[in-house]
Amino acid sequence: MAQAELKKNPDAMRQRKGPVEHPYGTIKYWMGSTHFLTKRLPNVQAEMSLHVLAYNLRRAINILGVPKIMAQLQAA
């Protein structure tokens, strides 16, 4: 099914790839050359989750600003 969709729109992968590459590139840069510091899948999943959380939090701060995020956190 996915292959049929791709044949209908061959540029779909390029369109999807564009917005996703920046977060992965940034997270990979933050992780450095050592990649994951932990071993075993559950630990690596937790480490990756923390990297994604840090990326999303930093992005939210850059977009909204600290005062607005603090106000929303206090309202919750």
PDB file of N, CA and C in Angstrom:
ATOM      1  N   MET A   1       0.829  -1.196   0.000  1.00  0.00           N
ATOM      2  CA  MET A   1       0.000   0.000   0.000  1.00  0.00           C
ATOM      3  C   MET A   1       0.871   1.258   0.000  1.00  0.00           C
ATOM      4  N   ALA A   2       1.889   1.295   0.851  1.00  0.00           N
ATOM      5  CA  ALA A   2       2.774   2.460   0.896  1.00  0.00           C
ATOM      6  C   ALA A   2       3.527   2.604  -0.417  1.00  0.00           C
ATOM      7  N   GLN A   3       3.906   1.465  -0.998  1.00  0.00           N
ATOM      8  CA  GLN A   3       4.633   1.502  -2.265  1.00  0.00           C
ATOM      9  C   GLN A   3       3.758   2.087  -3.367  1.00  0.00           C
ATOM     10  N   ALA A   4       2.460   1.763  -3.365  1.00  0.00           N
ATOM     11  CA  ALA A   4       1.535   2.305  -4.363  1.00  0.00           C
ATOM     12  C   ALA A   4       1.389   3.816  -4.203  1.00  0.00           C
ATOM     13  N   GLU A   5       1.307   4.276  -2.967  1.00  0.00           N
ATOM     14  CA  GLU A   5       1.220   5.715  -2.703  1.00  0.00           C
ATOM     15  C   GLU A   5       2.479   6.436  -3.171  1.00  0.00           C
ATOM     16  N   LEU A   6       3.623   5.802  -2.957  1.00  0.00           N
ATOM     17  CA  LEU A   6       4.887   6.395  -3.367  1.00  0.00           C
ATOM     18  C   LEU A   6       4.987   6.477  -4.887  1.00  0.00           C
ATOM     19  N   LYS A   7       4.441   5.490  -5.575  1.00  0.00           N
ATOM     20  CA  LYS A   7       4.447   5.527  -7.038  1.00  0.00           C
ATOM     21  C   LYS A   7       3.556   6.638  -7.567  1.00  0.00           C
ATOM     22  N   LYS A   8       2.462   6.926  -6.858  1.00  0.00           N
ATOM     23  CA  LYS A   8       1.573   8.008  -7.279  1.00  0.00           C
ATOM     24  C   LYS A   8       2.225   9.372  -7.088  1.00  0.00           C
ATOM     25  N   ASN A   9       2.992   9.501  -6.018  1.00  0.00           N
ATOM     26  CA  ASN A   9       3.636  10.780  -5.701  1.00  0.00           C
ATOM     27  C   ASN A   9       5.103  10.530  -5.356  1.00  0.00           C
ATOM     28  N   PRO A  10       5.975  10.464  -6.372  1.00  0.00           N
ATOM     29  CA  PRO A  10       7.382  10.133  -6.098  1.00  0.00           C
ATOM     30  C   PRO A  10       8.125  11.174  -5.255  1.00  0.00           C
ATOM     31  N   ASP A  11       7.648  12.403  -5.196  1.00  0.00           N
ATOM     32  CA  ASP A  11       8.313  13.435  -4.395  1.00  0.00           C
ATOM     33  C   ASP A  11       7.877  13.424  -2.930  1.00  0.00           C
ATOM     34  N   ALA A  12       7.003  12.525  -2.560  1.00  0.00           N
ATOM     35  CA  ALA A  12       6.472  12.498  -1.194  1.00  0.00           C
ATOM     36  C   ALA A  12       7.569  12.286  -0.158  1.00  0.00           C
ATOM     37  N   MET A  13       8.516  11.417  -0.454  1.00  0.00           N
ATOM     38  CA  MET A  13       9.582  11.160   0.516  1.00  0.00           C
ATOM     39  C   MET A  13      10.440  12.398   0.735  1.00  0.00           C
ATOM     40  N   ARG A  14      10.726  13.143  -0.327  1.00  0.00           N
ATOM     41  CA  ARG A  14      11.503  14.369  -0.175  1.00  0.00           C
ATOM     42  C   ARG A  14      10.743  15.392   0.659  1.00  0.00           C
ATOM     43  N   GLN A  15       9.433  15.465   0.460  1.00  0.00           N
ATOM     44  CA  GLN A  15       8.622  16.418   1.221  1.00  0.00           C
ATOM     45  C   GLN A  15       8.576  16.041   2.696  1.00  0.00           C
ATOM     46  N   ARG A  16       8.480  14.754   2.996  1.00  0.00           N
ATOM     47  CA  ARG A  16       8.429  14.308   4.386  1.00  0.00           C
ATOM     48  C   ARG A  16       9.788  14.416   5.049  1.00  0.00           C
ATOM     49  N   LYS A  17      10.840  14.176   4.290  1.00  0.00           N
ATOM     50  CA  LYS A  17      12.188  14.140   4.841  1.00  0.00           C
ATOM     51  C   LYS A  17      12.647  15.519   5.296  1.00  0.00           C
ATOM     52  N   GLY A  18      12.256  16.563   4.599  1.00  0.00           N
ATOM     53  CA  GLY A  18      12.723  17.912   4.889  1.00  0.00           C
ATOM     54  C   GLY A  18      12.505  18.374   6.306  1.00  0.00           C
ATOM     55  N   PRO A  19      11.266  18.388   6.820  1.00  0.00           N
ATOM     56  CA  PRO A  19      11.041  18.901   8.171  1.00  0.00           C
ATOM     57  C   PRO A  19      11.600  18.007   9.273  1.00  0.00           C
ATOM     58  N   VAL A  20      11.891  16.752   8.962  1.00  0.00           N
ATOM     59  CA  VAL A  20      12.345  15.815   9.985  1.00  0.00           C
ATOM     60  C   VAL A  20      13.855  15.834  10.142  1.00  0.00           C
ATOM     61  N   GLU A  21      14.576  16.195   9.103  1.00  0.00           N
ATOM     62  CA  GLU A  21      16.032  16.124   9.147  1.00  0.00           C
ATOM     63  C   GLU A  21      16.642  17.069  10.186  1.00  0.00           C
ATOM     64  N   HIS A  22      16.099  18.248  10.360  1.00  0.00           N
ATOM     65  CA  HIS A  22      16.701  19.206  11.289  1.00  0.00           C
ATOM     66  C   HIS A  22      16.697  18.706  12.726  1.00  0.00           C
ATOM     67  N   PRO A  23      15.555  18.222  13.263  1.00  0.00           N
ATOM     68  CA  PRO A  23      15.600  17.720  14.647  1.00  0.00           C
ATOM     69  C   PRO A  23      16.578  16.566  14.827  1.00  0.00           C
ATOM     70  N   TYR A  24      16.600  15.624  13.889  1.00  0.00           N
ATOM     71  CA  TYR A  24      17.525  14.500  14.021  1.00  0.00           C
ATOM     72  C   TYR A  24      18.972  14.963  13.951  1.00  0.00           C
ATOM     73  N   GLY A  25      19.253  15.882  13.056  1.00  0.00           N
ATOM     74  CA  GLY A  25      20.608  16.399  12.948  1.00  0.00           C
ATOM     75  C   GLY A  25      21.042  17.122  14.210  1.00  0.00           C
ATOM     76  N   THR A  26      20.140  17.914  14.776  1.00  0.00           N
ATOM     77  CA  THR A  26      20.455  18.654  16.001  1.00  0.00           C
ATOM     78  C   THR A  26      20.686  17.700  17.163  1.00  0.00           C
ATOM     79  N   ILE A  27      19.811  16.726  17.318  1.00  0.00           N
ATOM     80  CA  ILE A  27      19.961  15.765  18.422  1.00  0.00           C
ATOM     81  C   ILE A  27      21.244  14.965  18.253  1.00  0.00           C
ATOM     82  N   LYS A  28      21.556  14.556  17.027  1.00  0.00           N
ATOM     83  CA  LYS A  28      22.790  13.817  16.782  1.00  0.00           C
ATOM     84  C   LYS A  28      24.007  14.668  17.116  1.00  0.00           C
ATOM     85  N   TYR A  29      23.946  15.951  16.789  1.00  0.00           N
ATOM     86  CA  TYR A  29      25.048  16.868  17.117  1.00  0.00           C
ATOM     87  C   TYR A  29      25.209  16.984  18.629  1.00  0.00           C
ATOM     88  N   TRP A  30      24.102  17.096  19.364  1.00  0.00           N
ATOM     89  CA  TRP A  30      24.159  17.192  20.821  1.00  0.00           C
ATOM     90  C   TRP A  30      24.763  15.938  21.434  1.00  0.00           C
ATOM     91  N   MET A  31      24.449  14.789  20.850  1.00  0.00           N
ATOM     92  CA  MET A  31      24.903  13.521  21.420  1.00  0.00           C
ATOM     93  C   MET A  31      26.398  13.311  21.197  1.00  0.00           C
ATOM     94  N   GLY A  32      26.961  13.967  20.213  1.00  0.00           N
ATOM     95  CA  GLY A  32      28.385  13.840  19.946  1.00  0.00           C
ATOM     96  C   GLY A  32      28.720  12.535  19.249  1.00  0.00           C
ATOM     97  N   SER A  33      29.993  12.249  19.200  1.00  0.00           N
ATOM     98  CA  SER A  33      30.441  11.075  18.455  1.00  0.00           C
ATOM     99  C   SER A  33      30.209   9.776  19.218  1.00  0.00           C
ATOM    100  N   THR A  34      29.928   9.869  20.500  1.00  0.00           N
ATOM    101  CA  THR A  34      29.739   8.646  21.298  1.00  0.00           C
ATOM    102  C   THR A  34      28.348   8.065  21.122  1.00  0.00           C
ATOM    103  N   HIS A  35      27.459   8.822  20.532  1.00  0.00           N
ATOM    104  CA  HIS A  35      26.068   8.412  20.359  1.00  0.00           C
ATOM    105  C   HIS A  35      25.450   8.132  21.725  1.00  0.00           C
ATOM    106  N   PHE A  36      25.057   6.902  21.988  1.00  0.00           N
ATOM    107  CA  PHE A  36      24.371   6.624  23.254  1.00  0.00           C
ATOM    108  C   PHE A  36      25.378   6.271  24.349  1.00  0.00           C
ATOM    109  N   LEU A  37      25.157   6.823  25.523  1.00  0.00           N
ATOM    110  CA  LEU A  37      26.043   6.553  26.648  1.00  0.00           C
ATOM    111  C   LEU A  37      25.621   5.308  27.414  1.00  0.00           C
ATOM    112  N   THR A  38      24.391   4.853  27.192  1.00  0.00           N
ATOM    113  CA  THR A  38      23.873   3.703  27.917  1.00  0.00           C
ATOM    114  C   THR A  38      23.891   2.468  27.030  1.00  0.00           C
ATOM    115  N   LYS A  39      23.652   1.328  27.657  1.00  0.00           N
ATOM    116  CA  LYS A  39      23.578   0.053  26.939  1.00  0.00           C
ATOM    117  C   LYS A  39      22.226  -0.592  27.220  1.00  0.00           C
ATOM    118  N   ARG A  40      21.841  -1.469  26.375  1.00  0.00           N
ATOM    119  CA  ARG A  40      20.564  -2.199  26.396  1.00  0.00           C
ATOM    120  C   ARG A  40      19.426  -1.287  25.960  1.00  0.00           C
ATOM    121  N   LEU A  41      18.503  -1.886  25.256  1.00  0.00           N
ATOM    122  CA  LEU A  41      17.444  -1.142  24.590  1.00  0.00           C
ATOM    123  C   LEU A  41      16.610  -0.268  25.525  1.00  0.00           C
ATOM    124  N   PRO A  42      16.137  -0.742  26.679  1.00  0.00           N
ATOM    125  CA  PRO A  42      15.326   0.150  27.536  1.00  0.00           C
ATOM    126  C   PRO A  42      16.084   1.405  27.974  1.00  0.00           C
ATOM    127  N   ASN A  43      17.368   1.249  28.257  1.00  0.00           N
ATOM    128  CA  ASN A  43      18.169   2.402  28.680  1.00  0.00           C
ATOM    129  C   ASN A  43      18.404   3.365  27.521  1.00  0.00           C
ATOM    130  N   VAL A  44      18.651   2.826  26.338  1.00  0.00           N
ATOM    131  CA  VAL A  44      18.855   3.666  25.160  1.00  0.00           C
ATOM    132  C   VAL A  44      17.562   4.401  24.817  1.00  0.00           C
ATOM    133  N   GLN A  45      16.427   3.710  24.955  1.00  0.00           N
ATOM    134  CA  GLN A  45      15.141   4.370  24.698  1.00  0.00           C
ATOM    135  C   GLN A  45      14.920   5.527  25.670  1.00  0.00           C
ATOM    136  N   ALA A  46      15.262   5.313  26.930  1.00  0.00           N
ATOM    137  CA  ALA A  46      15.109   6.379  27.921  1.00  0.00           C
ATOM    138  C   ALA A  46      16.036   7.547  27.602  1.00  0.00           C
ATOM    139  N   GLU A  47      17.268   7.248  27.215  1.00  0.00           N
ATOM    140  CA  GLU A  47      18.218   8.309  26.877  1.00  0.00           C
ATOM    141  C   GLU A  47      17.727   9.104  25.668  1.00  0.00           C
ATOM    142  N   MET A  48      17.219   8.410  24.650  1.00  0.00           N
ATOM    143  CA  MET A  48      16.718   9.097  23.466  1.00  0.00           C
ATOM    144  C   MET A  48      15.500   9.942  23.820  1.00  0.00           C
ATOM    145  N   SER A  49      14.641   9.441  24.683  1.00  0.00           N
ATOM    146  CA  SER A  49      13.469  10.210  25.116  1.00  0.00           C
ATOM    147  C   SER A  49      13.886  11.507  25.802  1.00  0.00           C
ATOM    148  N   LEU A  50      14.926  11.449  26.603  1.00  0.00           N
ATOM    149  CA  LEU A  50      15.423  12.658  27.265  1.00  0.00           C
ATOM    150  C   LEU A  50      15.985  13.654  26.253  1.00  0.00           C
ATOM    151  N   HIS A  51      16.674  13.153  25.235  1.00  0.00           N
ATOM    152  CA  HIS A  51      17.189  14.040  24.190  1.00  0.00           C
ATOM    153  C   HIS A  51      16.042  14.724  23.448  1.00  0.00           C
ATOM    154  N   VAL A  52      14.999  13.957  23.120  1.00  0.00           N
ATOM    155  CA  VAL A  52      13.855  14.518  22.400  1.00  0.00           C
ATOM    156  C   VAL A  52      13.126  15.526  23.280  1.00  0.00           C
ATOM    157  N   LEU A  53      12.968  15.221  24.560  1.00  0.00           N
ATOM    158  CA  LEU A  53      12.332  16.152  25.485  1.00  0.00           C
ATOM    159  C   LEU A  53      13.122  17.460  25.574  1.00  0.00           C
ATOM    160  N   ALA A  54      14.437  17.349  25.679  1.00  0.00           N
ATOM    161  CA  ALA A  54      15.281  18.545  25.747  1.00  0.00           C
ATOM    162  C   ALA A  54      15.166  19.364  24.464  1.00  0.00           C
ATOM    163  N   TYR A  55      15.125  18.691  23.323  1.00  0.00           N
ATOM    164  CA  TYR A  55      14.989  19.399  22.047  1.00  0.00           C
ATOM    165  C   TYR A  55      13.664  20.148  21.996  1.00  0.00           C
ATOM    166  N   ASN A  56      12.575  19.454  22.363  1.00  0.00           N
ATOM    167  CA  ASN A  56      11.251  20.077  22.308  1.00  0.00           C
ATOM    168  C   ASN A  56      11.126  21.235  23.289  1.00  0.00           C
ATOM    169  N   LEU A  57      11.691  21.091  24.471  1.00  0.00           N
ATOM    170  CA  LEU A  57      11.642  22.161  25.464  1.00  0.00           C
ATOM    171  C   LEU A  57      12.436  23.378  24.992  1.00  0.00           C
ATOM    172  N   ARG A  58      13.596  23.133  24.445  1.00  0.00           N
ATOM    173  CA  ARG A  58      14.412  24.238  23.937  1.00  0.00           C
ATOM    174  C   ARG A  58      13.706  24.951  22.781  1.00  0.00           C
ATOM    175  N   ARG A  59      13.062  24.180  21.918  1.00  0.00           N
ATOM    176  CA  ARG A  59      12.325  24.770  20.796  1.00  0.00           C
ATOM    177  C   ARG A  59      11.150  25.601  21.302  1.00  0.00           C
ATOM    178  N   ALA A  60      10.434  25.087  22.293  1.00  0.00           N
ATOM    179  CA  ALA A  60       9.305  25.833  22.855  1.00  0.00           C
ATOM    180  C   ALA A  60       9.775  27.139  23.490  1.00  0.00           C
ATOM    181  N   ILE A  61      10.893  27.095  24.182  1.00  0.00           N
ATOM    182  CA  ILE A  61      11.430  28.312  24.795  1.00  0.00           C
ATOM    183  C   ILE A  61      11.803  29.323  23.724  1.00  0.00           C
ATOM    184  N   ASN A  62      12.417  28.858  22.638  1.00  0.00           N
ATOM    185  CA  ASN A  62      12.804  29.777  21.563  1.00  0.00           C
ATOM    186  C   ASN A  62      11.598  30.367  20.854  1.00  0.00           C
ATOM    187  N   ILE A  63      10.525  29.608  20.730  1.00  0.00           N
ATOM    188  CA  ILE A  63       9.344  30.090  20.009  1.00  0.00           C
ATOM    189  C   ILE A  63       8.476  30.974  20.901  1.00  0.00           C
ATOM    190  N   LEU A  64       8.169  30.496  22.105  1.00  0.00           N
ATOM    191  CA  LEU A  64       7.227  31.201  22.982  1.00  0.00           C
ATOM    192  C   LEU A  64       7.900  32.200  23.912  1.00  0.00           C
ATOM    193  N   GLY A  65       9.105  31.889  24.328  1.00  0.00           N
ATOM    194  CA  GLY A  65       9.787  32.727  25.311  1.00  0.00           C
ATOM    195  C   GLY A  65       9.550  32.208  26.719  1.00  0.00           C
ATOM    196  N   VAL A  66      10.470  32.482  27.589  1.00  0.00           N
ATOM    197  CA  VAL A  66      10.415  31.984  28.963  1.00  0.00           C
ATOM    198  C   VAL A  66       9.196  32.513  29.728  1.00  0.00           C
ATOM    199  N   PRO A  67       8.868  33.805  29.662  1.00  0.00           N
ATOM    200  CA  PRO A  67       7.732  34.294  30.458  1.00  0.00           C
ATOM    201  C   PRO A  67       6.408  33.579  30.119  1.00  0.00           C
ATOM    202  N   LYS A  68       6.164  33.354  28.847  1.00  0.00           N
ATOM    203  CA  LYS A  68       4.908  32.708  28.455  1.00  0.00           C
ATOM    204  C   LYS A  68       4.876  31.247  28.909  1.00  0.00           C
ATOM    205  N   ILE A  69       5.991  30.545  28.800  1.00  0.00           N
ATOM    206  CA  ILE A  69       6.033  29.156  29.252  1.00  0.00           C
ATOM    207  C   ILE A  69       5.849  29.090  30.762  1.00  0.00           C
ATOM    208  N   MET A  70       6.506  29.982  31.492  1.00  0.00           N
ATOM    209  CA  MET A  70       6.355  29.996  32.950  1.00  0.00           C
ATOM    210  C   MET A  70       4.911  30.266  33.348  1.00  0.00           C
ATOM    211  N   ALA A  71       4.261  31.194  32.658  1.00  0.00           N
ATOM    212  CA  ALA A  71       2.861  31.500  32.961  1.00  0.00           C
ATOM    213  C   ALA A  71       1.976  30.291  32.693  1.00  0.00           C
ATOM    214  N   GLN A  72       2.234  29.578  31.618  1.00  0.00           N
ATOM    215  CA  GLN A  72       1.430  28.395  31.308  1.00  0.00           C
ATOM    216  C   GLN A  72       1.681  27.270  32.298  1.00  0.00           C
ATOM    217  N   LEU A  73       2.932  27.124  32.739  1.00  0.00           N
ATOM    218  CA  LEU A  73       3.231  26.093  33.726  1.00  0.00           C
ATOM    219  C   LEU A  73       2.589  26.392  35.077  1.00  0.00           C
ATOM    220  N   GLN A  74       2.536  27.668  35.453  1.00  0.00           N
ATOM    221  CA  GLN A  74       1.916  28.045  36.722  1.00  0.00           C
ATOM    222  C   GLN A  74       0.405  27.902  36.656  1.00  0.00           C
ATOM    223  N   ALA A  75      -0.175  28.069  35.469  1.00  0.00           N
ATOM    224  CA  ALA A  75      -1.627  27.942  35.316  1.00  0.00           C
ATOM    225  C   ALA A  75      -2.069  26.480  35.346  1.00  0.00           C
ATOM    226  N   ALA A  76      -1.163  25.578  35.035  1.00  0.00           N
ATOM    227  CA  ALA A  76      -1.544  24.147  34.965  1.00  0.00           C
ATOM    228  C   ALA A  76      -1.711  23.515  36.291  1.00  0.00           C
TER     229      ALA A  76
END
